[in-house]
Amino acid sequence: MIQPSGVNNPMLDDDRLEAEVRDLLMDICEVMAARGYEVVSVGALMRLVGVGEDRAREHDAEYFALDADFQGMLAQRELDRKNKNKKAPRQSLDGVTLH
């Protein structure tokens, strides 16, 4: 099983898991945009994150654009990360402060 980076506990609550998966999908799309892709197949993206073939095939005809709106989301995400890092030292799951 592939775990999101920085996650030590395989038993994540639903909100945390959803946030980690959203981050992973955004990371993949960011790389695709940087490599010149303008459109992403939902089915192909699902396969990249381990969704089964039958389920992913149901979404092969669905696409979304890596357009200006997507670039805006990336810019906002970067600002949010910078602001989060300024607030306080990050706590790991086991309570150790990272410096």
PDB file of N, CA and C in Angstrom:
ATOM      1  N   MET A   1       0.839  -1.186   0.000  1.00  0.00           N
ATOM      2  CA  MET A   1       0.000   0.000   0.000  1.00  0.00           C
ATOM      3  C   MET A   1       0.882   1.248   0.000  1.00  0.00           C
ATOM      4  N   ILE A   2       0.587   2.182  -0.863  1.00  0.00           N
ATOM      5  CA  ILE A   2       1.327   3.435  -0.914  1.00  0.00           C
ATOM      6  C   ILE A   2       0.673   4.408   0.053  1.00  0.00           C
ATOM      7  N   GLN A   3       1.488   4.980   0.925  1.00  0.00           N
ATOM      8  CA  GLN A   3       0.976   5.968   1.863  1.00  0.00           C
ATOM      9  C   GLN A   3       1.422   7.349   1.433  1.00  0.00           C
ATOM     10  N   PRO A   4       0.563   8.367   1.624  1.00  0.00           N
ATOM     11  CA  PRO A   4       0.960   9.745   1.332  1.00  0.00           C
ATOM     12  C   PRO A   4       2.197  10.125   2.127  1.00  0.00           C
ATOM     13  N   SER A   5       2.984  11.018   1.570  1.00  0.00           N
ATOM     14  CA  SER A   5       4.229  11.415   2.228  1.00  0.00           C
ATOM     15  C   SER A   5       3.963  12.001   3.606  1.00  0.00           C
ATOM     16  N   GLY A   6       4.839  11.677   4.544  1.00  0.00           N
ATOM     17  CA  GLY A   6       4.752  12.224   5.883  1.00  0.00           C
ATOM     18  C   GLY A   6       3.716  11.566   6.764  1.00  0.00           C
ATOM     19  N   VAL A   7       3.081  10.531   6.280  1.00  0.00           N
ATOM     20  CA  VAL A   7       2.036   9.882   7.063  1.00  0.00           C
ATOM     21  C   VAL A   7       2.607   8.628   7.699  1.00  0.00           C
ATOM     22  N   ASN A   8       2.613   8.589   9.034  1.00  0.00           N
ATOM     23  CA  ASN A   8       3.136   7.447   9.768  1.00  0.00           C
ATOM     24  C   ASN A   8       2.049   6.489  10.203  1.00  0.00           C
ATOM     25  N   ASN A   9       0.824   6.948  10.253  1.00  0.00           N
ATOM     26  CA  ASN A   9      -0.280   6.162  10.773  1.00  0.00           C
ATOM     27  C   ASN A   9      -1.193   5.733   9.637  1.00  0.00           C
ATOM     28  N   PRO A  10      -1.280   4.425   9.350  1.00  0.00           N
ATOM     29  CA  PRO A  10      -2.133   3.986   8.251  1.00  0.00           C
ATOM     30  C   PRO A  10      -3.628   4.151   8.524  1.00  0.00           C
ATOM     31  N   MET A  11      -4.000   4.408   9.761  1.00  0.00           N
ATOM     32  CA  MET A  11      -5.405   4.584  10.106  1.00  0.00           C
ATOM     33  C   MET A  11      -5.737   6.084  10.130  1.00  0.00           C
ATOM     34  N   LEU A  12      -6.009   6.649   8.970  1.00  0.00           N
ATOM     35  CA  LEU A  12      -6.338   8.062   8.869  1.00  0.00           C
ATOM     36  C   LEU A  12      -7.837   8.257   8.984  1.00  0.00           C
ATOM     37  N   ASP A  13      -8.263   9.377   9.571  1.00  0.00           N
ATOM     38  CA  ASP A  13      -9.684   9.666   9.558  1.00  0.00           C
ATOM     39  C   ASP A  13     -10.072  10.097   8.139  1.00  0.00           C
ATOM     40  N   ASP A  14     -11.357  10.081   7.844  1.00  0.00           N
ATOM     41  CA  ASP A  14     -11.833  10.338   6.485  1.00  0.00           C
ATOM     42  C   ASP A  14     -11.401  11.709   5.953  1.00  0.00           C
ATOM     43  N   ASP A  15     -11.477  12.736   6.787  1.00  0.00           N
ATOM     44  CA  ASP A  15     -11.107  14.082   6.339  1.00  0.00           C
ATOM     45  C   ASP A  15      -9.632  14.158   5.984  1.00  0.00           C
ATOM     46  N   ARG A  16      -8.804  13.565   6.816  1.00  0.00           N
ATOM     47  CA  ARG A  16      -7.353  13.592   6.569  1.00  0.00           C
ATOM     48  C   ARG A  16      -7.004  12.792   5.315  1.00  0.00           C
ATOM     49  N   LEU A  17      -7.638  11.645   5.143  1.00  0.00           N
ATOM     50  CA  LEU A  17      -7.399  10.831   3.961  1.00  0.00           C
ATOM     51  C   LEU A  17      -7.825  11.573   2.701  1.00  0.00           C
ATOM     52  N   GLU A  18      -8.981  12.202   2.748  1.00  0.00           N
ATOM     53  CA  GLU A  18      -9.461  12.966   1.600  1.00  0.00           C
ATOM     54  C   GLU A  18      -8.492  14.093   1.253  1.00  0.00           C
ATOM     55  N   ALA A  19      -7.981  14.780   2.255  1.00  0.00           N
ATOM     56  CA  ALA A  19      -7.024  15.867   2.017  1.00  0.00           C
ATOM     57  C   ALA A  19      -5.734  15.334   1.407  1.00  0.00           C
ATOM     58  N   GLU A  20      -5.261  14.196   1.886  1.00  0.00           N
ATOM     59  CA  GLU A  20      -4.030  13.603   1.352  1.00  0.00           C
ATOM     60  C   GLU A  20      -4.215  13.168  -0.100  1.00  0.00           C
ATOM     61  N   VAL A  21      -5.359  12.572  -0.416  1.00  0.00           N
ATOM     62  CA  VAL A  21      -5.635  12.144  -1.793  1.00  0.00           C
ATOM     63  C   VAL A  21      -5.769  13.364  -2.699  1.00  0.00           C
ATOM     64  N   ARG A  22      -6.455  14.402  -2.232  1.00  0.00           N
ATOM     65  CA  ARG A  22      -6.591  15.636  -3.015  1.00  0.00           C
ATOM     66  C   ARG A  22      -5.211  16.221  -3.317  1.00  0.00           C
ATOM     67  N   ASP A  23      -4.340  16.237  -2.314  1.00  0.00           N
ATOM     68  CA  ASP A  23      -2.978  16.733  -2.515  1.00  0.00           C
ATOM     69  C   ASP A  23      -2.226  15.903  -3.550  1.00  0.00           C
ATOM     70  N   LEU A  24      -2.362  14.589  -3.468  1.00  0.00           N
ATOM     71  CA  LEU A  24      -1.706  13.706  -4.424  1.00  0.00           C
ATOM     72  C   LEU A  24      -2.197  13.982  -5.844  1.00  0.00           C
ATOM     73  N   LEU A  25      -3.502  14.115  -6.019  1.00  0.00           N
ATOM     74  CA  LEU A  25      -4.056  14.388  -7.342  1.00  0.00           C
ATOM     75  C   LEU A  25      -3.577  15.740  -7.869  1.00  0.00           C
ATOM     76  N   MET A  26      -3.532  16.731  -7.001  1.00  0.00           N
ATOM     77  CA  MET A  26      -3.033  18.044  -7.416  1.00  0.00           C
ATOM     78  C   MET A  26      -1.564  17.966  -7.807  1.00  0.00           C
ATOM     79  N   ASP A  27      -0.769  17.204  -7.056  1.00  0.00           N
ATOM     80  CA  ASP A  27       0.647  17.034  -7.400  1.00  0.00           C
ATOM     81  C   ASP A  27       0.809  16.401  -8.774  1.00  0.00           C
ATOM     82  N   ILE A  28       0.036  15.352  -9.045  1.00  0.00           N
ATOM     83  CA  ILE A  28       0.112  14.689 -10.351  1.00  0.00           C
ATOM     84  C   ILE A  28      -0.270  15.659 -11.464  1.00  0.00           C
ATOM     85  N   CYS A  29      -1.353  16.379 -11.270  1.00  0.00           N
ATOM     86  CA  CYS A  29      -1.802  17.329 -12.292  1.00  0.00           C
ATOM     87  C   CYS A  29      -0.808  18.471 -12.482  1.00  0.00           C
ATOM     88  N   GLU A  30      -0.171  18.892 -11.402  1.00  0.00           N
ATOM     89  CA  GLU A  30       0.838  19.947 -11.507  1.00  0.00           C
ATOM     90  C   GLU A  30       2.008  19.491 -12.376  1.00  0.00           C
ATOM     91  N   VAL A  31       2.446  18.260 -12.187  1.00  0.00           N
ATOM     92  CA  VAL A  31       3.532  17.713 -13.001  1.00  0.00           C
ATOM     93  C   VAL A  31       3.088  17.614 -14.458  1.00  0.00           C
ATOM     94  N   MET A  32       1.865  17.150 -14.670  1.00  0.00           N
ATOM     95  CA  MET A  32       1.367  17.034 -16.045  1.00  0.00           C
ATOM     96  C   MET A  32       1.317  18.400 -16.725  1.00  0.00           C
ATOM     97  N   ALA A  33       0.847  19.419 -16.013  1.00  0.00           N
ATOM     98  CA  ALA A  33       0.789  20.769 -16.577  1.00  0.00           C
ATOM     99  C   ALA A  33       2.190  21.278 -16.895  1.00  0.00           C
ATOM    100  N   ALA A  34       3.135  21.009 -15.991  1.00  0.00           N
ATOM    101  CA  ALA A  34       4.520  21.447 -16.224  1.00  0.00           C
ATOM    102  C   ALA A  34       5.128  20.755 -17.437  1.00  0.00           C
ATOM    103  N   ARG A  35       4.643  19.565 -17.765  1.00  0.00           N
ATOM    104  CA  ARG A  35       5.143  18.804 -18.911  1.00  0.00           C
ATOM    105  C   ARG A  35       4.372  19.108 -20.190  1.00  0.00           C
ATOM    106  N   GLY A  36       3.441  20.061 -20.126  1.00  0.00           N
ATOM    107  CA  GLY A  36       2.747  20.507 -21.328  1.00  0.00           C
ATOM    108  C   GLY A  36       1.375  19.916 -21.569  1.00  0.00           C
ATOM    109  N   TYR A  37       0.895  19.057 -20.673  1.00  0.00           N
ATOM    110  CA  TYR A  37      -0.452  18.513 -20.837  1.00  0.00           C
ATOM    111  C   TYR A  37      -1.468  19.609 -20.558  1.00  0.00           C
ATOM    112  N   GLU A  38      -2.505  19.643 -21.366  1.00  0.00           N
ATOM    113  CA  GLU A  38      -3.555  20.640 -21.186  1.00  0.00           C
ATOM    114  C   GLU A  38      -4.872  20.015 -20.743  1.00  0.00           C
ATOM    115  N   VAL A  39      -5.011  18.702 -20.946  1.00  0.00           N
ATOM    116  CA  VAL A  39      -6.242  17.987 -20.618  1.00  0.00           C
ATOM    117  C   VAL A  39      -5.864  16.682 -19.927  1.00  0.00           C
ATOM    118  N   VAL A  40      -6.665  16.297 -18.920  1.00  0.00           N
ATOM    119  CA  VAL A  40      -6.407  15.068 -18.167  1.00  0.00           C
ATOM    120  C   VAL A  40      -7.634  14.166 -18.263  1.00  0.00           C
ATOM    121  N   SER A  41      -7.406  12.899 -18.532  1.00  0.00           N
ATOM    122  CA  SER A  41      -8.467  11.901 -18.525  1.00  0.00           C
ATOM    123  C   SER A  41      -8.704  11.474 -17.072  1.00  0.00           C
ATOM    124  N   VAL A  42      -9.950  11.553 -16.633  1.00  0.00           N
ATOM    125  CA  VAL A  42     -10.281  11.166 -15.262  1.00  0.00           C
ATOM    126  C   VAL A  42      -9.968   9.687 -15.048  1.00  0.00           C
ATOM    127  N   GLY A  43     -10.302   8.839 -16.021  1.00  0.00           N
ATOM    128  CA  GLY A  43     -10.027   7.415 -15.892  1.00  0.00           C
ATOM    129  C   GLY A  43      -8.544   7.127 -15.756  1.00  0.00           C
ATOM    130  N   ALA A  44      -7.730   7.792 -16.556  1.00  0.00           N
ATOM    131  CA  ALA A  44      -6.277   7.584 -16.475  1.00  0.00           C
ATOM    132  C   ALA A  44      -5.744   8.046 -15.122  1.00  0.00           C
ATOM    133  N   LEU A  45      -6.231   9.168 -14.641  1.00  0.00           N
ATOM    134  CA  LEU A  45      -5.798   9.670 -13.332  1.00  0.00           C
ATOM    135  C   LEU A  45      -6.191   8.691 -12.227  1.00  0.00           C
ATOM    136  N   MET A  46      -7.365   8.116 -12.337  1.00  0.00           N
ATOM    137  CA  MET A  46      -7.813   7.141 -11.348  1.00  0.00           C
ATOM    138  C   MET A  46      -6.883   5.927 -11.333  1.00  0.00           C
ATOM    139  N   ARG A  47      -6.460   5.478 -12.508  1.00  0.00           N
ATOM    140  CA  ARG A  47      -5.541   4.339 -12.575  1.00  0.00           C
ATOM    141  C   ARG A  47      -4.209   4.665 -11.906  1.00  0.00           C
ATOM    142  N   LEU A  48      -3.741   5.894 -12.087  1.00  0.00           N
ATOM    143  CA  LEU A  48      -2.466   6.300 -11.486  1.00  0.00           C
ATOM    144  C   LEU A  48      -2.472   6.196  -9.965  1.00  0.00           C
ATOM    145  N   VAL A  49      -3.643   6.372  -9.375  1.00  0.00           N
ATOM    146  CA  VAL A  49      -3.717   6.325  -7.914  1.00  0.00           C
ATOM    147  C   VAL A  49      -4.254   4.989  -7.413  1.00  0.00           C
ATOM    148  N   GLY A  50      -4.342   4.006  -8.302  1.00  0.00           N
ATOM    149  CA  GLY A  50      -4.645   2.653  -7.864  1.00  0.00           C
ATOM    150  C   GLY A  50      -6.090   2.199  -7.940  1.00  0.00           C
ATOM    151  N   VAL A  51      -6.946   2.986  -8.569  1.00  0.00           N
ATOM    152  CA  VAL A  51      -8.337   2.562  -8.738  1.00  0.00           C
ATOM    153  C   VAL A  51      -8.360   1.408  -9.734  1.00  0.00           C
ATOM    154  N   GLY A  52      -9.215   0.440  -9.507  1.00  0.00           N
ATOM    155  CA  GLY A  52      -9.309  -0.731 -10.363  1.00  0.00           C
ATOM    156  C   GLY A  52      -9.712  -0.399 -11.794  1.00  0.00           C
ATOM    157  N   GLU A  53      -9.302  -1.260 -12.693  1.00  0.00           N
ATOM    158  CA  GLU A  53      -9.532  -1.052 -14.123  1.00  0.00           C
ATOM    159  C   GLU A  53     -11.011  -0.884 -14.460  1.00  0.00           C
ATOM    160  N   ASP A  54     -11.865  -1.735 -13.929  1.00  0.00           N
ATOM    161  CA  ASP A  54     -13.290  -1.661 -14.258  1.00  0.00           C
ATOM    162  C   ASP A  54     -13.897  -0.329 -13.831  1.00  0.00           C
ATOM    163  N   ARG A  55     -13.561   0.105 -12.637  1.00  0.00           N
ATOM    164  CA  ARG A  55     -14.093   1.383 -12.126  1.00  0.00           C
ATOM    165  C   ARG A  55     -13.521   2.560 -12.918  1.00  0.00           C
ATOM    166  N   ALA A  56     -12.219   2.537 -13.207  1.00  0.00           N
ATOM    167  CA  ALA A  56     -11.593   3.633 -13.946  1.00  0.00           C
ATOM    168  C   ALA A  56     -12.132   3.721 -15.371  1.00  0.00           C
ATOM    169  N   ARG A  57     -12.398   2.579 -15.983  1.00  0.00           N
ATOM    170  CA  ARG A  57     -12.902   2.551 -17.365  1.00  0.00           C
ATOM    171  C   ARG A  57     -14.218   3.318 -17.487  1.00  0.00           C
ATOM    172  N   GLU A  58     -15.020   3.312 -16.440  1.00  0.00           N
ATOM    173  CA  GLU A  58     -16.292   4.040 -16.437  1.00  0.00           C
ATOM    174  C   GLU A  58     -16.092   5.550 -16.627  1.00  0.00           C
ATOM    175  N   HIS A  59     -14.874   6.028 -16.368  1.00  0.00           N
ATOM    176  CA  HIS A  59     -14.595   7.472 -16.428  1.00  0.00           C
ATOM    177  C   HIS A  59     -13.624   7.840 -17.546  1.00  0.00           C
ATOM    178  N   ASP A  60     -13.364   6.923 -18.456  1.00  0.00           N
ATOM    179  CA  ASP A  60     -12.414   7.190 -19.537  1.00  0.00           C
ATOM    180  C   ASP A  60     -12.862   8.302 -20.476  1.00  0.00           C
ATOM    181  N   ALA A  61     -14.135   8.539 -20.591  1.00  0.00           N
ATOM    182  CA  ALA A  61     -14.636   9.582 -21.494  1.00  0.00           C
ATOM    183  C   ALA A  61     -14.781  10.935 -20.799  1.00  0.00           C
ATOM    184  N   GLU A  62     -14.359  11.023 -19.545  1.00  0.00           N
ATOM    185  CA  GLU A  62     -14.440  12.274 -18.791  1.00  0.00           C
ATOM    186  C   GLU A  62     -13.062  12.923 -18.746  1.00  0.00           C
ATOM    187  N   TYR A  63     -13.023  14.230 -18.971  1.00  0.00           N
ATOM    188  CA  TYR A  63     -11.771  14.980 -19.011  1.00  0.00           C
ATOM    189  C   TYR A  63     -11.935  16.289 -18.266  1.00  0.00           C
ATOM    190  N   PHE A  64     -10.820  16.848 -17.807  1.00  0.00           N
ATOM    191  CA  PHE A  64     -10.834  18.211 -17.296  1.00  0.00           C
ATOM    192  C   PHE A  64      -9.573  18.920 -17.770  1.00  0.00           C
ATOM    193  N   ALA A  65      -9.668  20.238 -17.835  1.00  0.00           N
ATOM    194  CA  ALA A  65      -8.587  21.054 -18.395  1.00  0.00           C
ATOM    195  C   ALA A  65      -7.647  21.541 -17.301  1.00  0.00           C
ATOM    196  N   LEU A  66      -6.370  21.581 -17.637  1.00  0.00           N
ATOM    197  CA  LEU A  66      -5.358  22.195 -16.771  1.00  0.00           C
ATOM    198  C   LEU A  66      -5.168  23.623 -17.287  1.00  0.00           C
ATOM    199  N   ASP A  67      -6.190  24.428 -17.071  1.00  0.00           N
ATOM    200  CA  ASP A  67      -6.288  25.760 -17.653  1.00  0.00           C
ATOM    201  C   ASP A  67      -5.904  26.853 -16.656  1.00  0.00           C
ATOM    202  N   ALA A  68      -6.293  28.066 -16.951  1.00  0.00           N
ATOM    203  CA  ALA A  68      -5.978  29.201 -16.075  1.00  0.00           C
ATOM    204  C   ALA A  68      -6.595  29.019 -14.689  1.00  0.00           C
ATOM    205  N   ASP A  69      -7.787  28.450 -14.626  1.00  0.00           N
ATOM    206  CA  ASP A  69      -8.409  28.195 -13.319  1.00  0.00           C
ATOM    207  C   ASP A  69      -7.554  27.235 -12.502  1.00  0.00           C
ATOM    208  N   PHE A  70      -7.038  26.191 -13.153  1.00  0.00           N
ATOM    209  CA  PHE A  70      -6.171  25.235 -12.473  1.00  0.00           C
ATOM    210  C   PHE A  70      -4.889  25.922 -12.006  1.00  0.00           C
ATOM    211  N   GLN A  71      -4.307  26.758 -12.852  1.00  0.00           N
ATOM    212  CA  GLN A  71      -3.092  27.486 -12.466  1.00  0.00           C
ATOM    213  C   GLN A  71      -3.358  28.384 -11.266  1.00  0.00           C
ATOM    214  N   GLY A  72      -4.546  28.966 -11.205  1.00  0.00           N
ATOM    215  CA  GLY A  72      -4.933  29.775 -10.049  1.00  0.00           C
ATOM    216  C   GLY A  72      -5.030  28.947  -8.778  1.00  0.00           C
ATOM    217  N   MET A  73      -5.563  27.734  -8.902  1.00  0.00           N
ATOM    218  CA  MET A  73      -5.636  26.840  -7.741  1.00  0.00           C
ATOM    219  C   MET A  73      -4.242  26.469  -7.268  1.00  0.00           C
ATOM    220  N   LEU A  74      -3.320  26.238  -8.204  1.00  0.00           N
ATOM    221  CA  LEU A  74      -1.941  25.922  -7.823  1.00  0.00           C
ATOM    222  C   LEU A  74      -1.296  27.100  -7.095  1.00  0.00           C
ATOM    223  N   ALA A  75      -1.520  28.295  -7.607  1.00  0.00           N
ATOM    224  CA  ALA A  75      -0.946  29.489  -6.976  1.00  0.00           C
ATOM    225  C   ALA A  75      -1.500  29.666  -5.565  1.00  0.00           C
ATOM    226  N   GLN A  76      -2.802  29.460  -5.392  1.00  0.00           N
ATOM    227  CA  GLN A  76      -3.415  29.587  -4.063  1.00  0.00           C
ATOM    228  C   GLN A  76      -2.888  28.514  -3.123  1.00  0.00           C
ATOM    229  N   ARG A  77      -2.713  27.321  -3.637  1.00  0.00           N
ATOM    230  CA  ARG A  77      -2.184  26.223  -2.821  1.00  0.00           C
ATOM    231  C   ARG A  77      -0.776  26.548  -2.337  1.00  0.00           C
ATOM    232  N   GLU A  78       0.027  27.124  -3.192  1.00  0.00           N
ATOM    233  CA  GLU A  78       1.389  27.497  -2.810  1.00  0.00           C
ATOM    234  C   GLU A  78       1.371  28.591  -1.739  1.00  0.00           C
ATOM    235  N   LEU A  79       0.492  29.578  -1.889  1.00  0.00           N
ATOM    236  CA  LEU A  79       0.355  30.619  -0.863  1.00  0.00           C
ATOM    237  C   LEU A  79      -0.089  30.021   0.468  1.00  0.00           C
ATOM    238  N   ASP A  80      -1.042  29.101   0.415  1.00  0.00           N
ATOM    239  CA  ASP A  80      -1.525  28.456   1.643  1.00  0.00           C
ATOM    240  C   ASP A  80      -0.397  27.695   2.328  1.00  0.00           C
ATOM    241  N   ARG A  81       0.412  27.006   1.550  1.00  0.00           N
ATOM    242  CA  ARG A  81       1.547  26.263   2.128  1.00  0.00           C
ATOM    243  C   ARG A  81       2.541  27.207   2.788  1.00  0.00           C
ATOM    244  N   LYS A  82       2.847  28.310   2.122  1.00  0.00           N
ATOM    245  CA  LYS A  82       3.787  29.275   2.694  1.00  0.00           C
ATOM    246  C   LYS A  82       3.238  29.877   3.978  1.00  0.00           C
ATOM    247  N   ASN A  83       1.965  30.225   3.975  1.00  0.00           N
ATOM    248  CA  ASN A  83       1.350  30.810   5.173  1.00  0.00           C
ATOM    249  C   ASN A  83       1.291  29.797   6.314  1.00  0.00           C
ATOM    250  N   LYS A  84       1.015  28.555   6.005  1.00  0.00           N
ATOM    251  CA  LYS A  84       0.958  27.506   7.030  1.00  0.00           C
ATOM    252  C   LYS A  84       2.332  27.330   7.671  1.00  0.00           C
ATOM    253  N   ASN A  85       3.379  27.374   6.869  1.00  0.00           N
ATOM    254  CA  ASN A  85       4.731  27.198   7.387  1.00  0.00           C
ATOM    255  C   ASN A  85       5.178  28.369   8.246  1.00  0.00           C
ATOM    256  N   LYS A  86       4.593  29.534   8.061  1.00  0.00           N
ATOM    257  CA  LYS A  86       4.963  30.703   8.857  1.00  0.00           C
ATOM    258  C   LYS A  86       4.311  30.684  10.239  1.00  0.00           C
ATOM    259  N   LYS A  87       3.177  30.004  10.372  1.00  0.00           N
ATOM    260  CA  LYS A  87       2.393  30.072  11.607  1.00  0.00           C
ATOM    261  C   LYS A  87       3.049  29.373  12.783  1.00  0.00           C
ATOM    262  N   ALA A  88       3.450  28.134  12.613  1.00  0.00           N
ATOM    263  CA  ALA A  88       3.984  27.364  13.742  1.00  0.00           C
ATOM    264  C   ALA A  88       4.741  26.160  13.212  1.00  0.00           C
ATOM    265  N   PRO A  89       5.644  25.624  14.029  1.00  0.00           N
ATOM    266  CA  PRO A  89       6.326  24.394  13.603  1.00  0.00           C
ATOM    267  C   PRO A  89       5.313  23.287  13.378  1.00  0.00           C
ATOM    268  N   ARG A  90       5.538  22.501  12.365  1.00  0.00           N
ATOM    269  CA  ARG A  90       4.649  21.392  12.039  1.00  0.00           C
ATOM    270  C   ARG A  90       4.821  20.267  13.054  1.00  0.00           C
ATOM    271  N   GLN A  91       3.717  19.689  13.474  1.00  0.00           N
ATOM    272  CA  GLN A  91       3.732  18.558  14.386  1.00  0.00           C
ATOM    273  C   GLN A  91       3.553  17.269  13.585  1.00  0.00           C
ATOM    274  N   SER A  92       4.396  16.306  13.833  1.00  0.00           N
ATOM    275  CA  SER A  92       4.218  15.006  13.200  1.00  0.00           C
ATOM    276  C   SER A  92       3.121  14.258  13.940  1.00  0.00           C
ATOM    277  N   LEU A  93       2.693  13.152  13.391  1.00  0.00           N
ATOM    278  CA  LEU A  93       1.606  12.399  14.010  1.00  0.00           C
ATOM    279  C   LEU A  93       1.941  11.867  15.394  1.00  0.00           C
ATOM    280  N   ASP A  94       3.241  11.618  15.645  1.00  0.00           N
ATOM    281  CA  ASP A  94       3.598  11.100  16.949  1.00  0.00           C
ATOM    282  C   ASP A  94       3.966  12.212  17.933  1.00  0.00           C
ATOM    283  N   GLY A  95       3.709  13.472  17.569  1.00  0.00           N
ATOM    284  CA  GLY A  95       3.902  14.587  18.484  1.00  0.00           C
ATOM    285  C   GLY A  95       5.283  15.190  18.503  1.00  0.00           C
ATOM    286  N   VAL A  96       6.167  14.795  17.611  1.00  0.00           N
ATOM    287  CA  VAL A  96       7.517  15.349  17.562  1.00  0.00           C
ATOM    288  C   VAL A  96       7.489  16.615  16.706  1.00  0.00           C
ATOM    289  N   THR A  97       8.050  17.697  17.250  1.00  0.00           N
ATOM    290  CA  THR A  97       8.110  18.948  16.498  1.00  0.00           C
ATOM    291  C   THR A  97       9.252  18.889  15.509  1.00  0.00           C
ATOM    292  N   LEU A  98       8.949  19.188  14.248  1.00  0.00           N
ATOM    293  CA  LEU A  98       9.982  19.223  13.213  1.00  0.00           C
ATOM    294  C   LEU A  98      10.511  20.640  13.098  1.00  0.00           C
ATOM    295  N   HIS A  99      11.808  20.794  13.024  1.00  0.00           N
ATOM    296  CA  HIS A  99      12.418  22.124  12.937  1.00  0.00           C
ATOM    297  C   HIS A  99      12.998  22.369  11.577  1.00  0.00           C
TER     298      HIS A  99
END
